[in-house]
């Protein structure tokens, strides 16, 4: 399945949840929000709870790197 969801397609709440999931388990994740991220193909249901998948991780990391690269350098 090809994920076509972009960072700006996500709500601020979805973005925050995805960033937190990228750091590790997020047991406080709202069930409805988790289901929405599953439907978007960015996370998956695992035996120990919802976890970020490769597509979600690539989206978060790509967004963080793009923001870093957009910052003016302090040479």
Protein backbone atom coordinates (compact mmCIF):
# COMPACT_ATOMS: atom_id res chain seq x y z
CA UNK A 1 0.00 0.00 0.00
CA UNK A 2 1.41 3.38 -1.02
CA UNK A 3 0.92 6.12 1.54
CA UNK A 4 0.08 9.45 -0.02
CA UNK A 5 -0.56 11.34 3.19
CA UNK A 6 1.65 14.38 3.58
CA UNK A 7 2.63 16.04 6.86
CA UNK A 8 0.40 19.03 6.17
CA UNK A 9 -2.54 16.68 5.54
CA UNK A 10 -2.42 15.72 9.22
CA UNK A 11 -4.00 17.68 12.04
CA UNK A 12 -1.70 19.10 14.72
CA UNK A 13 -2.96 16.35 17.04
CA UNK A 14 -2.10 13.66 14.48
CA UNK A 15 1.34 15.19 13.88
CA UNK A 16 2.07 15.25 17.61
CA UNK A 17 0.94 11.65 18.05
CA UNK A 18 3.09 10.49 15.15
CA UNK A 19 6.17 12.29 16.52
CA UNK A 20 5.59 10.72 19.94
CA UNK A 21 5.15 7.26 18.41
CA UNK A 22 8.40 7.78 16.53
CA UNK A 23 10.17 8.06 19.91
CA UNK A 24 8.65 4.87 21.30
CA UNK A 25 5.52 3.47 22.94
CA UNK A 26 2.71 5.98 23.48
CA UNK A 27 0.21 4.30 25.81
CA UNK A 28 -1.78 7.55 26.23
CA UNK A 29 -2.66 7.59 22.52
CA UNK A 30 -6.37 8.21 22.06
CA UNK A 31 -8.00 5.12 20.55
CA UNK A 32 -9.86 7.10 17.87
CA UNK A 33 -6.71 8.98 16.89
CA UNK A 34 -4.77 5.72 16.74
CA UNK A 35 -7.41 4.18 14.48
CA UNK A 36 -7.26 7.20 12.17
CA UNK A 37 -3.46 6.88 11.88
CA UNK A 38 -3.88 3.16 11.14
CA UNK A 39 -6.37 3.99 8.38
CA UNK A 40 -3.87 6.48 6.93
CA UNK A 41 -1.26 3.69 6.83
CA UNK A 42 1.17 5.46 9.18
CA UNK A 43 0.95 3.17 12.20
CA UNK A 44 -0.10 -0.42 12.86
CA UNK A 45 -1.72 -2.36 15.65
CA UNK A 46 0.81 -4.60 17.39
CA UNK A 47 0.54 -7.05 20.29
CA UNK A 48 1.94 -4.41 22.69
CA UNK A 49 -0.16 -1.56 21.29
CA UNK A 50 -0.12 0.79 18.34
CA UNK A 51 3.31 1.44 16.86
CA UNK A 52 4.67 3.54 14.05
CA UNK A 53 5.45 1.71 10.82
CA UNK A 54 8.04 2.42 8.13
CA UNK A 55 5.81 4.85 6.22
CA UNK A 56 5.03 6.82 9.37
CA UNK A 57 8.67 6.91 10.43
CA UNK A 58 9.76 8.08 6.97
CA UNK A 59 7.15 10.85 7.07
CA UNK A 60 8.26 12.08 10.50
CA UNK A 61 11.98 11.91 9.76
CA UNK A 62 11.58 13.50 6.33
CA UNK A 63 9.62 16.35 7.86
CA UNK A 64 12.16 16.90 10.64
CA UNK A 65 15.06 16.85 8.19
CA UNK A 66 13.31 19.26 5.83
CA UNK A 67 12.70 21.67 8.71
CA UNK A 68 16.34 21.41 9.76
CA UNK A 69 17.57 22.00 6.21
CA UNK A 70 15.30 25.04 5.88
CA UNK A 71 16.95 26.74 8.87
CA UNK A 72 19.58 29.32 7.91
CA UNK A 73 23.06 28.16 8.84
CA UNK A 74 24.98 30.02 11.52
CA UNK A 75 28.45 29.99 9.94
